[in-house]
Amino acid sequence: MTTMLSLMTLLQTGYEYGYSAYDSGFATQNFASGGMYLLMIVIGVVGYIVQARLQSVFKKYSQVMFPGGLTGAEVAEKMLRDHNIHNVKVTHVKGHLTDHFNPQTMTVNLSDSVYSSRSIAAAAVAAHECGHAVQHARAYAPLVLRSQLVPIVNFASSMATWVIIAGLAILATTQNELVCWIGIGMIAMSALFALVTLPVEYNASERALEWLRTSRVMGEGELVHARTSLRWAARTYLVAAVSAIASVLYYVMLIMGRRD
């Protein structure tokens, strides 16, 4: 978040270069930019709160075991078998909440705090990652789209900053906005990726909870706790999507204000 704000300050300085302080548009743009700074700060604070709450919820339910509970790895293996998926391997990765499904290696990778744990939180996370494996097996459209966007977003995100800076320099001397809009388009790809990620994550959680219920791996009481854990995890993606959209809006306002 600090890096993002520093970059925005740099771009704002470049924008104001050569812009007359006597122009009435300056005050309007300065006010709008201040509003966007405030919005980004609010999003950053909300993101911190959501992340802290997720850590708190996970820690709480990591200490709650369920009767006859399986380890995270055993939950994952059982869910894959129940969905007739036999080409995905459950593996262990280092870290905390670094769990993920990798469609390239066809692996469900479970972190230190999930793989061997018999807690409600571990079972929920393991089932969620298997939810992605089920999505892949069923060719779930949003997941397919997200996978197709990955190389595009990787390229765009690595180049967007430099394109925007170059565009602002060109704009200050030639009034040509094209390069700026290309840079904004690159940033918008990250926002699109964040938006597409939302249904992918929420659907994986729905699949996980439905399987945990129908397979009777958990009782109704444990399911309530699992649902709480997954909901807070999903909210981190929601905050990320809002932040990405706000970034796009900031740069659009920057260019539109320069035009006035």
Protein backbone atom coordinates (compact mmCIF):
# COMPACT_ATOMS: atom_id res chain seq x y z
CA MET A 1 0.00 0.00 0.00
CA THR A 2 2.88 2.39 0.81
CA THR A 3 4.46 1.68 -2.58
CA MET A 4 1.17 2.41 -4.34
CA LEU A 5 0.77 5.75 -2.57
CA SER A 6 4.38 6.72 -3.35
CA LEU A 7 3.85 5.95 -7.02
CA MET A 8 0.64 7.95 -7.06
CA THR A 9 2.50 10.91 -5.53
CA LEU A 10 5.16 10.68 -8.23
CA LEU A 11 2.56 10.59 -10.99
CA GLN A 12 0.64 13.47 -9.48
CA THR A 13 3.84 15.55 -9.43
CA GLY A 14 4.44 14.75 -13.10
CA TYR A 15 0.88 15.71 -13.89
CA GLU A 16 1.11 19.08 -12.16
CA TYR A 17 4.35 19.97 -13.98
CA GLY A 18 3.58 22.71 -16.50
CA TYR A 19 -0.02 23.06 -15.32
CA SER A 20 -0.88 26.65 -14.49
CA ALA A 21 -1.88 27.29 -10.91
CA TYR A 22 -4.21 29.99 -12.18
CA ASP A 23 -6.25 27.55 -14.20
CA SER A 24 -9.59 26.87 -12.51
CA GLY A 25 -9.25 23.22 -13.50
CA PHE A 26 -6.27 22.91 -11.17
CA ALA A 27 -8.35 23.37 -8.05
CA THR A 28 -10.96 20.92 -9.31
CA GLN A 29 -8.37 18.29 -10.18
CA ASN A 30 -6.51 18.84 -6.90
CA PHE A 31 -9.75 18.28 -5.00
CA ALA A 32 -10.55 15.15 -7.01
CA SER A 33 -7.03 13.81 -6.48
CA GLY A 34 -7.35 14.45 -2.76
CA GLY A 35 -10.58 12.46 -2.78
CA MET A 36 -8.88 9.57 -4.54
CA TYR A 37 -5.97 9.63 -2.08
CA LEU A 38 -8.48 9.46 0.76
CA LEU A 39 -10.30 6.58 -0.95
CA MET A 40 -7.07 4.63 -1.38
CA ILE A 41 -6.19 5.20 2.28
CA VAL A 42 -9.64 3.99 3.35
CA ILE A 43 -9.29 0.90 1.15
CA GLY A 44 -5.85 0.25 2.64
CA VAL A 45 -7.22 0.49 6.19
CA VAL A 46 -10.17 -1.76 5.35
CA GLY A 47 -7.82 -4.24 3.71
CA TYR A 48 -5.64 -4.30 6.82
CA ILE A 49 -8.68 -4.88 9.04
CA VAL A 50 -10.00 -7.69 6.83
CA GLN A 51 -6.59 -9.37 6.69
CA ALA A 52 -6.18 -9.07 10.46
CA ARG A 53 -9.65 -10.49 11.00
CA LEU A 54 -8.90 -13.40 8.66
CA GLN A 55 -5.74 -14.21 10.61
CA SER A 56 -7.69 -14.02 13.87
CA VAL A 57 -10.51 -16.27 12.61
CA PHE A 58 -8.08 -18.80 11.16
CA LYS A 59 -6.08 -18.87 14.40
CA LYS A 60 -9.28 -19.36 16.42
CA TYR A 61 -10.65 -22.24 14.35
CA SER A 62 -7.19 -23.79 13.93
CA GLN A 63 -7.53 -24.68 17.60
CA VAL A 64 -10.98 -26.22 17.19
CA MET A 65 -10.90 -29.89 16.21
CA PHE A 66 -13.96 -31.79 15.03
CA PRO A 67 -14.93 -35.35 16.11
CA GLY A 68 -13.16 -37.95 13.98
CA GLY A 69 -11.51 -35.11 12.11
CA LEU A 70 -9.24 -35.72 9.15
CA THR A 71 -6.04 -33.81 8.45
CA GLY A 72 -6.15 -31.12 5.80
CA ALA A 73 -4.36 -33.46 3.40
CA GLU A 74 -6.85 -36.27 4.08
CA VAL A 75 -9.78 -33.90 3.56
CA ALA A 76 -8.33 -32.82 0.22
CA GLU A 77 -7.70 -36.38 -0.94
CA LYS A 78 -11.20 -37.48 0.03
CA MET A 79 -12.86 -34.53 -1.71
CA LEU A 80 -10.91 -35.20 -4.90
CA ARG A 81 -11.88 -38.91 -4.83
CA ASP A 82 -15.53 -38.08 -4.19
CA HIS A 83 -15.51 -35.86 -7.29
CA ASN A 84 -13.82 -38.61 -9.33
CA ILE A 85 -10.66 -36.54 -9.78
CA HIS A 86 -7.63 -38.83 -9.83
CA ASN A 87 -5.05 -36.76 -11.73
CA VAL A 88 -4.51 -34.15 -9.00
CA LYS A 89 -1.90 -34.71 -6.28
CA VAL A 90 -2.07 -33.22 -2.77
CA THR A 91 1.31 -31.80 -1.74
CA HIS A 92 2.82 -29.83 1.12
CA VAL A 93 4.28 -26.31 0.75
CA LYS A 94 5.99 -24.10 3.31
CA GLY A 95 4.44 -20.97 4.74
CA HIS A 96 1.25 -19.82 6.40
CA LEU A 97 -1.95 -19.65 4.31
CA THR A 98 0.08 -20.19 1.15
CA ASP A 99 -2.41 -22.85 0.03
CA HIS A 100 -3.28 -22.93 -3.66
CA PHE A 101 -4.29 -25.14 -6.57
CA ASN A 102 -1.84 -25.19 -9.47
CA PRO A 103 -3.51 -26.28 -12.74
CA GLN A 104 -0.13 -26.48 -14.52
CA THR A 105 1.28 -29.11 -12.18
CA MET A 106 -2.18 -30.45 -11.25
CA THR A 107 -1.47 -30.18 -7.54
CA VAL A 108 -3.37 -28.98 -4.49
CA ASN A 109 -0.66 -27.38 -2.37
CA LEU A 110 -1.37 -27.13 1.36
CA SER A 111 0.61 -24.99 3.78
CA ASP A 112 2.25 -25.91 7.10
CA SER A 113 -0.81 -24.82 9.07
CA VAL A 114 -3.21 -26.88 6.94
CA TYR A 115 -1.55 -30.04 5.62
CA SER A 116 -1.24 -31.99 8.89
CA SER A 117 -3.77 -30.11 11.01
CA ARG A 118 -7.04 -31.74 12.06
CA SER A 119 -8.78 -28.44 12.73
CA ILE A 120 -11.95 -26.97 11.25
CA ALA A 121 -9.97 -24.16 9.65
CA ALA A 122 -7.57 -26.60 7.96
CA ALA A 123 -10.42 -28.71 6.60
CA ALA A 124 -12.17 -25.61 5.24
CA VAL A 125 -9.05 -24.33 3.48
CA ALA A 126 -8.18 -27.74 2.05
CA ALA A 127 -11.71 -28.21 0.73
CA HIS A 128 -11.65 -24.70 -0.77
CA GLU A 129 -8.48 -25.44 -2.73
CA CYS A 130 -10.00 -28.69 -3.95
CA GLY A 131 -12.96 -26.59 -5.02
CA HIS A 132 -10.60 -25.01 -7.55
CA ALA A 133 -9.55 -28.47 -8.73
CA VAL A 134 -13.22 -29.33 -9.27
CA GLN A 135 -13.69 -26.08 -11.17
CA HIS A 136 -10.77 -27.01 -13.41
CA ALA A 137 -12.14 -30.49 -14.01
CA ARG A 138 -15.57 -29.07 -14.88
CA ALA A 139 -14.11 -26.25 -17.03
CA TYR A 140 -15.77 -23.58 -14.88
CA ALA A 141 -15.94 -20.55 -17.19
CA PRO A 142 -14.61 -17.82 -14.82
CA LEU A 143 -11.63 -20.03 -13.92
CA VAL A 144 -10.89 -20.67 -17.60
CA LEU A 145 -11.06 -16.93 -18.28
CA ARG A 146 -8.79 -16.14 -15.33
CA SER A 147 -6.22 -18.67 -16.54
CA GLN A 148 -6.25 -17.07 -19.98
CA LEU A 149 -5.73 -13.63 -18.45
CA VAL A 150 -2.67 -14.62 -16.39
CA PRO A 151 0.05 -14.08 -19.05
CA ILE A 152 -1.63 -10.87 -20.24
CA VAL A 153 -1.90 -9.47 -16.72
CA ASN A 154 1.69 -10.45 -15.87
CA PHE A 155 2.98 -8.51 -18.87
CA ALA A 156 0.65 -5.54 -18.38
CA SER A 157 1.39 -5.16 -14.67
CA SER A 158 5.15 -5.19 -15.27
CA MET A 159 4.94 -2.48 -17.96
CA ALA A 160 2.02 -0.28 -16.86
CA THR A 161 3.97 1.97 -14.49
CA TRP A 162 6.60 2.83 -17.09
CA VAL A 163 4.00 3.38 -19.81
CA ILE A 164 2.02 5.75 -17.56
CA ILE A 165 5.14 7.76 -16.64
CA ALA A 166 6.17 7.98 -20.30
CA GLY A 167 2.61 8.98 -21.23
CA LEU A 168 2.54 11.79 -18.66
CA ALA A 169 5.87 13.11 -19.95
CA ILE A 170 4.54 13.10 -23.51
CA LEU A 171 1.27 14.66 -22.40
CA ALA A 172 3.06 17.54 -20.67
CA THR A 173 4.78 18.56 -23.92
CA THR A 174 2.56 17.44 -26.81
CA GLN A 175 -0.95 17.11 -25.35
CA ASN A 176 -1.10 13.60 -26.85
CA GLU A 177 -3.01 11.30 -24.48
CA LEU A 178 -2.64 8.03 -26.40
CA VAL A 179 0.26 6.56 -24.41
CA CYS A 180 -1.47 7.47 -21.13
CA TRP A 181 -4.62 5.62 -22.17
CA ILE A 182 -2.57 2.60 -23.19
CA GLY A 183 -1.05 2.59 -19.70
CA ILE A 184 -4.48 2.91 -18.11
CA GLY A 185 -5.66 0.01 -20.27
CA MET A 186 -2.81 -2.08 -18.86
CA ILE A 187 -3.79 -1.18 -15.30
CA ALA A 188 -7.41 -2.02 -16.14
CA MET A 189 -6.34 -5.55 -17.04
CA SER A 190 -5.32 -6.08 -13.40
CA ALA A 191 -8.71 -4.75 -12.29
CA LEU A 192 -10.45 -7.12 -14.71
CA PHE A 193 -8.40 -10.01 -13.34
CA ALA A 194 -9.39 -9.06 -9.77
CA LEU A 195 -13.06 -8.95 -10.76
CA VAL A 196 -12.93 -12.33 -12.52
CA THR A 197 -11.22 -13.77 -9.44
CA LEU A 198 -14.24 -12.98 -7.24
CA PRO A 199 -16.67 -15.57 -8.69
CA VAL A 200 -13.82 -18.09 -8.86
CA GLU A 201 -13.08 -17.76 -5.13
CA TYR A 202 -16.68 -17.54 -3.95
CA ASN A 203 -17.70 -20.53 -6.06
CA ALA A 204 -14.77 -22.61 -4.74
CA SER A 205 -15.94 -21.87 -1.20
CA GLU A 206 -19.53 -22.83 -2.07
CA ARG A 207 -18.33 -26.12 -3.56
CA ALA A 208 -16.20 -26.78 -0.47
CA LEU A 209 -19.02 -26.12 2.00
CA GLU A 210 -21.52 -28.16 0.00
CA TRP A 211 -19.15 -31.13 -0.07
CA LEU A 212 -18.29 -30.81 3.63
CA ARG A 213 -22.02 -30.97 4.34
CA THR A 214 -23.08 -33.76 1.97
CA SER A 215 -20.05 -35.95 2.73
CA ARG A 216 -20.77 -35.60 6.45
CA VAL A 217 -17.13 -34.77 7.08
CA MET A 218 -18.45 -32.03 9.37
CA GLY A 219 -21.57 -31.59 11.43
CA GLU A 220 -23.77 -28.51 11.22
CA GLY A 221 -22.00 -26.84 14.13
CA GLU A 222 -18.57 -27.23 12.55
CA LEU A 223 -19.91 -26.07 9.18
CA VAL A 224 -20.86 -22.72 10.68
CA HIS A 225 -17.24 -22.17 11.73
CA ALA A 226 -15.91 -23.35 8.36
CA ARG A 227 -18.26 -20.96 6.57
CA THR A 228 -17.05 -18.06 8.72
CA SER A 229 -13.41 -18.85 7.89
CA LEU A 230 -14.03 -19.00 4.15
CA ARG A 231 -16.14 -15.84 4.12
CA TRP A 232 -13.34 -13.80 5.65
CA ALA A 233 -10.88 -15.28 3.18
CA ALA A 234 -13.17 -14.28 0.29
CA ARG A 235 -13.41 -10.71 1.61
CA THR A 236 -9.69 -10.22 1.05
CA TYR A 237 -10.30 -10.75 -2.68
CA LEU A 238 -13.21 -8.30 -2.57
CA VAL A 239 -10.99 -5.60 -1.06
CA ALA A 240 -8.33 -6.31 -3.70
CA ALA A 241 -10.91 -5.87 -6.48
CA VAL A 242 -12.16 -2.56 -5.07
CA SER A 243 -8.56 -1.34 -4.72
CA ALA A 244 -7.79 -2.27 -8.35
CA ILE A 245 -10.87 -0.43 -9.61
CA ALA A 246 -9.98 2.63 -7.51
CA SER A 247 -6.51 2.69 -9.07
CA VAL A 248 -7.99 2.73 -12.56
CA LEU A 249 -10.39 5.54 -11.61
CA TYR A 250 -7.52 7.58 -10.20
CA TYR A 251 -5.56 7.50 -13.44
CA VAL A 252 -8.65 8.17 -15.54
CA MET A 253 -9.38 11.26 -13.44
CA LEU A 254 -5.76 12.28 -13.76
CA ILE A 255 -5.90 12.29 -17.56
CA MET A 256 -9.40 13.74 -17.82
CA GLY A 257 -8.43 16.55 -15.44
CA ARG A 258 -5.33 17.35 -17.51
CA ARG A 259 -7.57 17.76 -20.54
CA ASP A 260 -9.71 20.48 -18.89
